[in-house]
Amino acid sequence: MIKKLSEFKYNDEGIIKIVNGEGRVRRRLFDMGVTPGARVILRKKAPLGDPLEFTLRGYELTLRKVEADYVLCEITKEGKK
């Protein structure tokens, strides 16, 4: 199943498939290690749902929901709701 990073639930795991966006946004995501093939896990979600904290390439990465909307992942393990 394909999901946006912004749609992940607590402890969902996935593999990044597509990074959308253009220009600065896409370049910034790539610079932070958000690239196709990387494994990502949602660790924390702020009370109002923004920002989101992920484990990616061995470090913790916090993204705003609008940034996470650009990233499509294939779910490998579903977490809690």
N, C-alpha and C. Protein backbone atom coordinates (compact mmCIF):
# COMPACT_ATOMS: atom_id res chain seq x y z
N MET A 1 0.84 -1.17 0.00
CA MET A 1 0.00 0.00 0.00
C MET A 1 0.90 1.25 0.00
N ILE A 2 0.53 2.22 -0.80
CA ILE A 2 1.28 3.48 -0.89
C ILE A 2 0.57 4.54 -0.04
N LYS A 3 1.37 5.26 0.77
CA LYS A 3 0.86 6.33 1.63
C LYS A 3 1.82 7.50 1.58
N LYS A 4 1.27 8.69 1.83
CA LYS A 4 2.12 9.87 2.03
C LYS A 4 2.70 9.78 3.44
N LEU A 5 3.86 10.36 3.66
CA LEU A 5 4.43 10.39 5.02
C LEU A 5 3.48 11.08 5.99
N SER A 6 2.76 12.07 5.52
CA SER A 6 1.83 12.81 6.39
C SER A 6 0.65 11.95 6.85
N GLU A 7 0.41 10.81 6.18
CA GLU A 7 -0.70 9.92 6.53
C GLU A 7 -0.28 8.77 7.44
N PHE A 8 1.01 8.68 7.76
CA PHE A 8 1.51 7.60 8.61
C PHE A 8 0.86 7.68 9.99
N LYS A 9 0.67 6.51 10.59
CA LYS A 9 0.20 6.40 11.96
C LYS A 9 1.40 6.01 12.82
N TYR A 10 1.26 6.13 14.13
CA TYR A 10 2.35 5.84 15.06
C TYR A 10 2.96 4.46 14.78
N ASN A 11 4.25 4.41 14.62
CA ASN A 11 5.06 3.21 14.37
C ASN A 11 4.88 2.58 13.00
N ASP A 12 4.22 3.25 12.07
CA ASP A 12 4.19 2.76 10.68
C ASP A 12 5.61 2.77 10.13
N GLU A 13 5.95 1.75 9.38
CA GLU A 13 7.26 1.68 8.72
C GLU A 13 7.04 1.61 7.23
N GLY A 14 7.95 2.23 6.48
CA GLY A 14 7.83 2.18 5.03
C GLY A 14 9.14 2.45 4.34
N ILE A 15 9.11 2.25 3.03
CA ILE A 15 10.25 2.53 2.17
C ILE A 15 9.85 3.69 1.26
N ILE A 16 10.67 4.72 1.21
CA ILE A 16 10.37 5.88 0.37
C ILE A 16 10.46 5.46 -1.09
N LYS A 17 9.40 5.76 -1.84
CA LYS A 17 9.34 5.43 -3.27
C LYS A 17 9.49 6.65 -4.16
N ILE A 18 8.79 7.73 -3.83
CA ILE A 18 8.78 8.92 -4.68
C ILE A 18 8.87 10.17 -3.80
N VAL A 19 9.71 11.11 -4.21
CA VAL A 19 9.78 12.42 -3.55
C VAL A 19 9.32 13.45 -4.58
N ASN A 20 8.12 13.99 -4.38
CA ASN A 20 7.56 14.99 -5.28
C ASN A 20 8.06 16.37 -4.90
N GLY A 21 7.53 17.37 -5.51
CA GLY A 21 7.94 18.74 -5.22
C GLY A 21 8.94 19.22 -6.25
N GLU A 22 9.19 20.51 -6.22
CA GLU A 22 10.12 21.10 -7.17
C GLU A 22 11.07 22.05 -6.47
N GLY A 23 12.17 22.28 -7.10
CA GLY A 23 13.11 23.30 -6.66
C GLY A 23 13.62 23.12 -5.25
N ARG A 24 13.49 24.17 -4.47
CA ARG A 24 14.06 24.21 -3.12
C ARG A 24 13.51 23.14 -2.19
N VAL A 25 12.20 22.90 -2.28
CA VAL A 25 11.57 21.92 -1.39
C VAL A 25 12.15 20.54 -1.63
N ARG A 26 12.19 20.13 -2.88
CA ARG A 26 12.73 18.80 -3.23
C ARG A 26 14.21 18.69 -2.84
N ARG A 27 14.97 19.73 -3.13
CA ARG A 27 16.40 19.73 -2.81
C ARG A 27 16.62 19.64 -1.29
N ARG A 28 15.80 20.36 -0.53
CA ARG A 28 15.92 20.34 0.93
C ARG A 28 15.63 18.94 1.48
N LEU A 29 14.57 18.29 0.96
CA LEU A 29 14.25 16.94 1.40
C LEU A 29 15.40 15.98 1.07
N PHE A 30 15.95 16.08 -0.13
CA PHE A 30 17.09 15.23 -0.52
C PHE A 30 18.29 15.48 0.39
N ASP A 31 18.55 16.75 0.71
CA ASP A 31 19.69 17.09 1.58
C ASP A 31 19.53 16.50 2.98
N MET A 32 18.29 16.32 3.43
CA MET A 32 18.03 15.74 4.75
C MET A 32 18.02 14.22 4.72
N GLY A 33 18.24 13.63 3.55
CA GLY A 33 18.30 12.17 3.45
C GLY A 33 16.99 11.51 3.05
N VAL A 34 16.00 12.32 2.70
CA VAL A 34 14.71 11.79 2.28
C VAL A 34 14.83 11.45 0.79
N THR A 35 15.29 10.24 0.51
CA THR A 35 15.53 9.81 -0.87
C THR A 35 14.87 8.45 -1.10
N PRO A 36 14.54 8.14 -2.36
CA PRO A 36 13.94 6.84 -2.64
C PRO A 36 14.83 5.69 -2.16
N GLY A 37 14.19 4.69 -1.56
CA GLY A 37 14.90 3.53 -1.04
C GLY A 37 15.20 3.58 0.44
N ALA A 38 15.07 4.76 1.05
CA ALA A 38 15.35 4.90 2.48
C ALA A 38 14.17 4.36 3.30
N ARG A 39 14.50 3.70 4.41
CA ARG A 39 13.48 3.17 5.33
C ARG A 39 13.12 4.26 6.32
N VAL A 40 11.83 4.42 6.60
CA VAL A 40 11.36 5.49 7.48
C VAL A 40 10.30 4.94 8.44
N ILE A 41 10.33 5.43 9.69
CA ILE A 41 9.39 5.02 10.74
C ILE A 41 8.85 6.28 11.42
N LEU A 42 7.53 6.36 11.59
CA LEU A 42 6.96 7.49 12.33
C LEU A 42 7.12 7.22 13.82
N ARG A 43 7.80 8.10 14.53
CA ARG A 43 8.06 7.94 15.97
C ARG A 43 7.14 8.78 16.84
N LYS A 44 6.93 10.03 16.44
CA LYS A 44 6.12 10.93 17.26
C LYS A 44 5.28 11.83 16.37
N LYS A 45 4.15 12.22 16.92
CA LYS A 45 3.26 13.16 16.25
C LYS A 45 2.84 14.20 17.27
N ALA A 46 2.95 15.46 16.94
CA ALA A 46 2.54 16.52 17.87
C ALA A 46 1.03 16.41 18.13
N PRO A 47 0.55 16.94 19.25
CA PRO A 47 -0.86 16.82 19.60
C PRO A 47 -1.83 17.26 18.50
N LEU A 48 -1.49 18.27 17.76
CA LEU A 48 -2.37 18.73 16.68
C LEU A 48 -1.96 18.14 15.33
N GLY A 49 -1.02 17.20 15.33
CA GLY A 49 -0.64 16.51 14.11
C GLY A 49 0.48 17.15 13.31
N ASP A 50 1.03 18.25 13.79
CA ASP A 50 2.09 18.93 13.05
C ASP A 50 3.06 19.55 14.05
N PRO A 51 4.31 19.25 14.05
CA PRO A 51 5.10 18.46 13.09
C PRO A 51 5.08 16.96 13.41
N LEU A 52 5.77 16.19 12.55
CA LEU A 52 5.90 14.74 12.68
C LEU A 52 7.39 14.40 12.84
N GLU A 53 7.69 13.42 13.69
CA GLU A 53 9.08 13.00 13.88
C GLU A 53 9.26 11.59 13.36
N PHE A 54 10.25 11.42 12.49
CA PHE A 54 10.54 10.14 11.86
C PHE A 54 11.94 9.68 12.20
N THR A 55 12.16 8.37 12.18
CA THR A 55 13.50 7.82 12.22
C THR A 55 13.84 7.49 10.77
N LEU A 56 14.96 8.03 10.31
CA LEU A 56 15.37 7.90 8.92
C LEU A 56 16.89 7.83 8.88
N ARG A 57 17.43 6.78 8.30
CA ARG A 57 18.88 6.63 8.15
C ARG A 57 19.63 6.75 9.48
N GLY A 58 19.01 6.28 10.57
CA GLY A 58 19.68 6.26 11.86
C GLY A 58 19.60 7.55 12.66
N TYR A 59 18.83 8.52 12.22
CA TYR A 59 18.67 9.75 12.99
C TYR A 59 17.20 10.15 13.03
N GLU A 60 16.88 11.07 13.92
CA GLU A 60 15.51 11.55 14.07
C GLU A 60 15.34 12.80 13.20
N LEU A 61 14.31 12.81 12.39
CA LEU A 61 14.03 13.92 11.48
C LEU A 61 12.63 14.42 11.74
N THR A 62 12.49 15.72 11.92
CA THR A 62 11.18 16.33 12.13
C THR A 62 10.78 17.09 10.88
N LEU A 63 9.58 16.78 10.38
CA LEU A 63 9.06 17.43 9.19
C LEU A 63 7.70 18.04 9.48
N ARG A 64 7.42 19.15 8.84
CA ARG A 64 6.08 19.72 8.89
C ARG A 64 5.18 18.85 8.01
N LYS A 65 3.91 18.90 8.26
CA LYS A 65 2.96 18.09 7.51
C LYS A 65 3.00 18.42 6.00
N VAL A 66 3.15 19.69 5.67
CA VAL A 66 3.19 20.08 4.25
C VAL A 66 4.41 19.50 3.55
N GLU A 67 5.54 19.39 4.26
CA GLU A 67 6.74 18.77 3.69
C GLU A 67 6.54 17.26 3.54
N ALA A 68 5.91 16.64 4.53
CA ALA A 68 5.68 15.20 4.50
C ALA A 68 4.69 14.81 3.40
N ASP A 69 3.86 15.75 2.96
CA ASP A 69 2.91 15.49 1.87
C ASP A 69 3.61 15.18 0.55
N TYR A 70 4.84 15.63 0.37
CA TYR A 70 5.57 15.43 -0.88
C TYR A 70 6.15 14.02 -1.02
N VAL A 71 6.19 13.26 0.08
CA VAL A 71 6.90 11.98 0.09
C VAL A 71 5.92 10.81 0.09
N LEU A 72 6.04 9.94 -0.91
CA LEU A 72 5.20 8.74 -1.02
C LEU A 72 6.02 7.53 -0.64
N CYS A 73 5.42 6.67 0.20
CA CYS A 73 6.12 5.49 0.71
C CYS A 73 5.27 4.25 0.53
N GLU A 74 5.95 3.12 0.42
CA GLU A 74 5.27 1.82 0.45
C GLU A 74 5.34 1.31 1.87
N ILE A 75 4.19 1.03 2.46
CA ILE A 75 4.13 0.57 3.85
C ILE A 75 4.65 -0.87 3.94
N THR A 76 5.60 -1.08 4.86
CA THR A 76 6.13 -2.44 5.08
C THR A 76 5.61 -3.03 6.38
N LYS A 77 5.23 -2.16 7.34
CA LYS A 77 4.68 -2.63 8.61
C LYS A 77 3.75 -1.56 9.15
N GLU A 78 2.54 -1.96 9.49
CA GLU A 78 1.58 -1.02 10.04
C GLU A 78 1.72 -0.95 11.55
N GLY A 79 1.66 0.25 12.08
CA GLY A 79 1.76 0.45 13.51
C GLY A 79 0.40 0.57 14.15
N LYS A 80 0.37 1.22 15.32
CA LYS A 80 -0.88 1.44 16.04
C LYS A 80 -1.65 2.60 15.44
N LYS A 81 -2.95 2.59 15.67
CA LYS A 81 -3.79 3.69 15.16
C LYS A 81 -3.83 4.84 16.09
